[in-house]
Amino acid sequence: EIRLDADHPRMTIITTYEQVTEPSHVPPAGGTNRVGIWIITQLSHPEAVFIPVGSAEDRGAGYVLQSDTPPLALTNRGGLLSLARDPSEPHKIGTRAGTLLWVGARETLRIDSPRIPGAPYPDDQSSAEVYTSRNPASYVELEMLAPLQEMKVGQRYSQTNVYTLARRTEPTPEAEALKLLRP
């Protein structure tokens, strides 16, 4: 389901899974299937990507490494992770965040999908992940993950992502991120 906000540059997408048949890997008679909704947004090469972390659920550096090496320029300054796309190597991290921010030269895109405290998430409890490609494919993927859910036939499960587009007004990506992500 796609909803466009009439008054703001905002789009809401509700992704719904429905278990329509018995899972093939469990015996019939009411078996369940453990699933998680994973929404991937592919964007062009950014100036930077930012992720607010620092809740009580976060630990250590605020991220989980999901590739051999961390992304280019990965830093955590006061609970705000930032990273850049490395043209020579792909990278991926997972976080326990509910917001991701892509900052380009002239615009920004914020993706919100609030994390449910205490719920089981895939990929070492990751609710938000960032993948950066290597050249010649110059893109990033901002990925929001829903909690894992046991589903039986007839059950439905939804996850909501809210996309907010804005013109960039600050001189640096960091200043733009602080303006858009800090209360």
C-alpha atoms as a PDB file:
ATOM      1  CA  GLU A   1       0.000   0.000   0.000  1.00  0.00           C
ATOM      2  CA  ILE A   2       1.431   3.382  -1.024  1.00  0.00           C
ATOM      3  CA  ARG A   3       0.251   6.671   0.499  1.00  0.00           C
ATOM      4  CA  LEU A   4       1.414  10.085  -0.691  1.00  0.00           C
ATOM      5  CA  ASP A   5       1.128  13.022   1.713  1.00  0.00           C
ATOM      6  CA  ALA A   6      -0.778  15.867   0.062  1.00  0.00           C
ATOM      7  CA  ASP A   7       0.958  18.573   2.127  1.00  0.00           C
ATOM      8  CA  HIS A   8       4.533  17.313   2.549  1.00  0.00           C
ATOM      9  CA  PRO A   9       7.176  15.527   0.427  1.00  0.00           C
ATOM     10  CA  ARG A  10       6.440  12.285   2.254  1.00  0.00           C
ATOM     11  CA  MET A  11       5.481   8.805   1.131  1.00  0.00           C
ATOM     12  CA  THR A  12       4.352   5.942   3.346  1.00  0.00           C
ATOM     13  CA  ILE A  13       4.679   2.359   2.141  1.00  0.00           C
ATOM     14  CA  ILE A  14       3.028  -0.459   4.049  1.00  0.00           C
ATOM     15  CA  THR A  15       4.383  -3.884   3.079  1.00  0.00           C
ATOM     16  CA  THR A  16       2.170  -6.820   4.084  1.00  0.00           C
ATOM     17  CA  TYR A  17       2.941 -10.527   4.066  1.00  0.00           C
ATOM     18  CA  GLU A  18       0.153 -13.090   4.263  1.00  0.00           C
ATOM     19  CA  GLN A  19       0.697 -16.798   4.881  1.00  0.00           C
ATOM     20  CA  VAL A  20      -1.558 -18.358   2.259  1.00  0.00           C
ATOM     21  CA  THR A  21      -0.353 -21.988   2.278  1.00  0.00           C
ATOM     22  CA  GLU A  22       1.251 -24.359   4.749  1.00  0.00           C
ATOM     23  CA  PRO A  23       5.030 -23.975   4.812  1.00  0.00           C
ATOM     24  CA  SER A  24       6.674 -26.837   2.900  1.00  0.00           C
ATOM     25  CA  HIS A  25       9.291 -27.422   5.595  1.00  0.00           C
ATOM     26  CA  VAL A  26       6.872 -28.245   8.454  1.00  0.00           C
ATOM     27  CA  PRO A  27       4.341 -31.023   8.830  1.00  0.00           C
ATOM     28  CA  PRO A  28       0.772 -30.117   7.855  1.00  0.00           C
ATOM     29  CA  ALA A  29      -1.758 -29.477  10.608  1.00  0.00           C
ATOM     30  CA  GLY A  30      -1.096 -25.891  11.531  1.00  0.00           C
ATOM     31  CA  GLY A  31       2.659 -25.453  11.228  1.00  0.00           C
ATOM     32  CA  THR A  32       4.207 -22.001  11.381  1.00  0.00           C
ATOM     33  CA  ASN A  33       6.687 -20.203   9.192  1.00  0.00           C
ATOM     34  CA  ARG A  34       9.142 -17.715  10.747  1.00  0.00           C
ATOM     35  CA  VAL A  35       9.464 -14.671   8.500  1.00  0.00           C
ATOM     36  CA  GLY A  36      10.684 -11.108   8.597  1.00  0.00           C
ATOM     37  CA  ILE A  37       9.766  -8.281   6.245  1.00  0.00           C
ATOM     38  CA  TRP A  38      12.868  -6.727   4.696  1.00  0.00           C
ATOM     39  CA  ILE A  39      12.413  -3.479   2.762  1.00  0.00           C
ATOM     40  CA  ILE A  40      15.385  -2.468   0.604  1.00  0.00           C
ATOM     41  CA  THR A  41      15.660   1.039  -0.869  1.00  0.00           C
ATOM     42  CA  GLN A  42      18.379   1.424  -3.490  1.00  0.00           C
ATOM     43  CA  LEU A  43      19.784   4.950  -3.920  1.00  0.00           C
ATOM     44  CA  SER A  44      22.521   6.593  -5.936  1.00  0.00           C
ATOM     45  CA  HIS A  45      25.972   7.351  -4.522  1.00  0.00           C
ATOM     46  CA  PRO A  46      25.527   9.692  -1.522  1.00  0.00           C
ATOM     47  CA  GLU A  47      27.824  12.241  -0.003  1.00  0.00           C
ATOM     48  CA  ALA A  48      27.175  10.354   3.248  1.00  0.00           C
ATOM     49  CA  VAL A  49      24.730   8.095   5.081  1.00  0.00           C
ATOM     50  CA  PHE A  50      23.774   8.740   8.707  1.00  0.00           C
ATOM     51  CA  ILE A  51      22.185   6.501  11.322  1.00  0.00           C
ATOM     52  CA  PRO A  52      21.087   7.709  14.776  1.00  0.00           C
ATOM     53  CA  VAL A  53      22.042   5.060  17.353  1.00  0.00           C
ATOM     54  CA  GLY A  54      22.575   5.099  21.073  1.00  0.00           C
ATOM     55  CA  SER A  55      19.430   3.651  22.641  1.00  0.00           C
ATOM     56  CA  ALA A  56      19.683   1.305  25.595  1.00  0.00           C
ATOM     57  CA  GLU A  57      19.516  -1.652  23.171  1.00  0.00           C
ATOM     58  CA  ASP A  58      22.613  -0.519  21.248  1.00  0.00           C
ATOM     59  CA  ARG A  59      25.958  -1.899  22.286  1.00  0.00           C
ATOM     60  CA  GLY A  60      29.579  -1.103  21.568  1.00  0.00           C
ATOM     61  CA  ALA A  61      30.104   0.958  18.452  1.00  0.00           C
ATOM     62  CA  GLY A  62      26.382   1.042  17.601  1.00  0.00           C
ATOM     63  CA  TYR A  63      26.620  -1.339  14.651  1.00  0.00           C
ATOM     64  CA  VAL A  64      27.205  -4.965  13.691  1.00  0.00           C
ATOM     65  CA  LEU A  65      29.710  -5.604  10.922  1.00  0.00           C
ATOM     66  CA  GLN A  66      28.154  -7.754   8.178  1.00  0.00           C
ATOM     67  CA  SER A  67      31.048  -7.652   5.716  1.00  0.00           C
ATOM     68  CA  ASP A  68      34.741  -8.440   6.057  1.00  0.00           C
ATOM     69  CA  THR A  69      35.678  -4.811   6.691  1.00  0.00           C
ATOM     70  CA  PRO A  70      33.760  -1.715   7.823  1.00  0.00           C
ATOM     71  CA  PRO A  71      32.501   0.896   5.360  1.00  0.00           C
ATOM     72  CA  LEU A  72      34.652   3.852   4.365  1.00  0.00           C
ATOM     73  CA  ALA A  73      34.834   6.662   6.933  1.00  0.00           C
ATOM     74  CA  LEU A  74      32.606   4.847   9.448  1.00  0.00           C
ATOM     75  CA  THR A  75      32.411   6.928  12.616  1.00  0.00           C
ATOM     76  CA  ASN A  76      30.181   7.243  15.659  1.00  0.00           C
ATOM     77  CA  ARG A  77      30.046  10.778  17.004  1.00  0.00           C
ATOM     78  CA  GLY A  78      27.740  11.132  19.959  1.00  0.00           C
ATOM     79  CA  GLY A  79      25.343   8.430  18.836  1.00  0.00           C
ATOM     80  CA  LEU A  80      25.286   9.452  15.166  1.00  0.00           C
ATOM     81  CA  LEU A  81      26.898   6.910  12.853  1.00  0.00           C
ATOM     82  CA  SER A  82      28.139   8.189   9.526  1.00  0.00           C
ATOM     83  CA  LEU A  83      29.683   6.392   6.582  1.00  0.00           C
ATOM     84  CA  ALA A  84      30.595   6.857   2.950  1.00  0.00           C
ATOM     85  CA  ARG A  85      30.486   4.536  -0.054  1.00  0.00           C
ATOM     86  CA  ASP A  86      33.833   2.920  -0.846  1.00  0.00           C
ATOM     87  CA  PRO A  87      34.294   2.769  -4.641  1.00  0.00           C
ATOM     88  CA  SER A  88      36.735  -0.150  -4.356  1.00  0.00           C
ATOM     89  CA  GLU A  89      34.960  -2.567  -1.964  1.00  0.00           C
ATOM     90  CA  PRO A  90      31.375  -3.439  -0.943  1.00  0.00           C
ATOM     91  CA  HIS A  91      30.495  -3.150   2.752  1.00  0.00           C
ATOM     92  CA  LYS A  92      27.517  -3.784   5.006  1.00  0.00           C
ATOM     93  CA  ILE A  93      26.564  -2.972   8.589  1.00  0.00           C
ATOM     94  CA  GLY A  94      23.505  -3.665  10.715  1.00  0.00           C
ATOM     95  CA  THR A  95      22.136  -1.432  13.476  1.00  0.00           C
ATOM     96  CA  ARG A  96      19.315  -1.283  15.970  1.00  0.00           C
ATOM     97  CA  ALA A  97      18.084   2.005  14.530  1.00  0.00           C
ATOM     98  CA  GLY A  98      14.634   3.022  13.317  1.00  0.00           C
ATOM     99  CA  THR A  99      15.880   5.800  11.008  1.00  0.00           C
ATOM    100  CA  LEU A 100      18.318   6.014   8.091  1.00  0.00           C
ATOM    101  CA  LEU A 101      19.360   9.241   6.334  1.00  0.00           C
ATOM    102  CA  TRP A 102      20.837   9.540   2.830  1.00  0.00           C
ATOM    103  CA  VAL A 103      22.483  12.911   2.101  1.00  0.00           C
ATOM    104  CA  GLY A 104      23.208  13.935  -1.468  1.00  0.00           C
ATOM    105  CA  ALA A 105      24.609  17.136  -2.941  1.00  0.00           C
ATOM    106  CA  ARG A 106      21.194  18.831  -3.243  1.00  0.00           C
ATOM    107  CA  GLU A 107      18.677  16.625  -1.446  1.00  0.00           C
ATOM    108  CA  THR A 108      18.170  14.251   1.456  1.00  0.00           C
ATOM    109  CA  LEU A 109      16.036  11.191   2.021  1.00  0.00           C
ATOM    110  CA  ARG A 110      15.048  10.088   5.496  1.00  0.00           C
ATOM    111  CA  ILE A 111      13.544   6.629   6.021  1.00  0.00           C
ATOM    112  CA  ASP A 112      11.715   5.898   9.271  1.00  0.00           C
ATOM    113  CA  SER A 113      10.485   2.511  10.457  1.00  0.00           C
ATOM    114  CA  PRO A 114      10.379   2.513  14.259  1.00  0.00           C
ATOM    115  CA  ARG A 115      12.066  -0.380  16.024  1.00  0.00           C
ATOM    116  CA  ILE A 116       9.914  -2.454  18.377  1.00  0.00           C
ATOM    117  CA  PRO A 117      11.779  -2.771  21.691  1.00  0.00           C
ATOM    118  CA  GLY A 118      12.365  -6.344  22.824  1.00  0.00           C
ATOM    119  CA  ALA A 119      11.199  -7.902  19.546  1.00  0.00           C
ATOM    120  CA  PRO A 120      13.412 -10.508  17.841  1.00  0.00           C
ATOM    121  CA  TYR A 121      15.183  -9.140  14.749  1.00  0.00           C
ATOM    122  CA  PRO A 122      17.332 -10.985  12.188  1.00  0.00           C
ATOM    123  CA  ASP A 123      21.033 -10.426  11.519  1.00  0.00           C
ATOM    124  CA  ASP A 124      22.168 -10.100  15.139  1.00  0.00           C
ATOM    125  CA  GLN A 125      19.151  -7.987  16.144  1.00  0.00           C
ATOM    126  CA  SER A 126      19.443  -5.534  13.218  1.00  0.00           C
ATOM    127  CA  SER A 127      16.392  -3.391  12.397  1.00  0.00           C
ATOM    128  CA  ALA A 128      18.263  -1.164   9.913  1.00  0.00           C
ATOM    129  CA  GLU A 129      21.120  -2.068   7.581  1.00  0.00           C
ATOM    130  CA  VAL A 130      23.271  -0.185   5.072  1.00  0.00           C
ATOM    131  CA  TYR A 131      24.987  -1.817   2.106  1.00  0.00           C
ATOM    132  CA  THR A 132      27.458   0.103  -0.055  1.00  0.00           C
ATOM    133  CA  SER A 133      28.428  -1.164  -3.507  1.00  0.00           C
ATOM    134  CA  ARG A 134      31.765  -0.946  -5.271  1.00  0.00           C
ATOM    135  CA  ASN A 135      32.364   0.568  -8.699  1.00  0.00           C
ATOM    136  CA  PRO A 136      31.169   0.435 -11.379  1.00  0.00           C
ATOM    137  CA  ALA A 137      27.778   0.090  -9.610  1.00  0.00           C
ATOM    138  CA  SER A 138      27.716   3.286  -7.553  1.00  0.00           C
ATOM    139  CA  TYR A 139      24.760   2.856  -5.223  1.00  0.00           C
ATOM    140  CA  VAL A 140      23.831   2.199  -1.604  1.00  0.00           C
ATOM    141  CA  GLU A 141      21.001   0.189  -0.104  1.00  0.00           C
ATOM    142  CA  LEU A 142      19.177   1.484   2.954  1.00  0.00           C
ATOM    143  CA  GLU A 143      17.350  -1.493   4.412  1.00  0.00           C
ATOM    144  CA  MET A 144      14.688  -1.568   7.113  1.00  0.00           C
ATOM    145  CA  LEU A 145      13.896  -4.902   8.757  1.00  0.00           C
ATOM    146  CA  ALA A 146      10.794  -5.915  10.666  1.00  0.00           C
ATOM    147  CA  PRO A 147      10.883  -8.214  13.676  1.00  0.00           C
ATOM    148  CA  LEU A 148      10.794 -11.942  12.998  1.00  0.00           C
ATOM    149  CA  GLN A 149       7.258 -13.293  13.190  1.00  0.00           C
ATOM    150  CA  GLU A 150       5.823 -16.818  13.424  1.00  0.00           C
ATOM    151  CA  MET A 151       3.010 -17.040  10.877  1.00  0.00           C
ATOM    152  CA  LYS A 152       0.267 -19.592  10.313  1.00  0.00           C
ATOM    153  CA  VAL A 153      -2.007 -19.894   7.314  1.00  0.00           C
ATOM    154  CA  GLY A 154      -4.372 -16.929   7.198  1.00  0.00           C
ATOM    155  CA  GLN A 155      -2.210 -14.578   9.275  1.00  0.00           C
ATOM    156  CA  ARG A 156      -1.067 -11.195   7.963  1.00  0.00           C
ATOM    157  CA  TYR A 157       1.958  -9.183   9.040  1.00  0.00           C
ATOM    158  CA  SER A 158       2.805  -5.578   8.035  1.00  0.00           C
ATOM    159  CA  GLN A 159       5.742  -3.204   8.225  1.00  0.00           C
ATOM    160  CA  THR A 160       5.569   0.543   7.554  1.00  0.00           C
ATOM    161  CA  ASN A 161       8.327   2.703   6.062  1.00  0.00           C
ATOM    162  CA  VAL A 162       7.957   6.479   5.864  1.00  0.00           C
ATOM    163  CA  TYR A 163      10.112   8.268   3.260  1.00  0.00           C
ATOM    164  CA  THR A 164      10.673  12.018   3.656  1.00  0.00           C
ATOM    165  CA  LEU A 165      12.427  13.952   0.897  1.00  0.00           C
ATOM    166  CA  ALA A 166      13.976  17.371   1.586  1.00  0.00           C
ATOM    167  CA  ARG A 167      16.145  19.935  -0.116  1.00  0.00           C
ATOM    168  CA  ARG A 168      19.575  20.180   1.422  1.00  0.00           C
ATOM    169  CA  THR A 169      20.233  23.536   3.094  1.00  0.00           C
ATOM    170  CA  GLU A 170      23.375  23.025   5.187  1.00  0.00           C
ATOM    171  CA  PRO A 171      26.943  23.340   3.836  1.00  0.00           C
ATOM    172  CA  THR A 172      28.173  19.919   5.061  1.00  0.00           C
ATOM    173  CA  PRO A 173      26.512  16.504   5.166  1.00  0.00           C
ATOM    174  CA  GLU A 174      27.122  16.373   8.947  1.00  0.00           C
ATOM    175  CA  ALA A 175      25.365  19.697   9.564  1.00  0.00           C
ATOM    176  CA  GLU A 176      22.443  18.532   7.422  1.00  0.00           C
ATOM    177  CA  ALA A 177      22.206  15.281   9.379  1.00  0.00           C
ATOM    178  CA  LEU A 178      22.279  17.080  12.721  1.00  0.00           C
ATOM    179  CA  LYS A 179      19.512  19.421  11.566  1.00  0.00           C
ATOM    180  CA  LEU A 180      17.295  16.540  10.364  1.00  0.00           C
ATOM    181  CA  LEU A 181      18.017  13.924  13.034  1.00  0.00           C
ATOM    182  CA  ARG A 182      18.398  15.789  16.298  1.00  0.00           C
ATOM    183  CA  PRO A 183      15.271  16.758  18.274  1.00  0.00           C
END
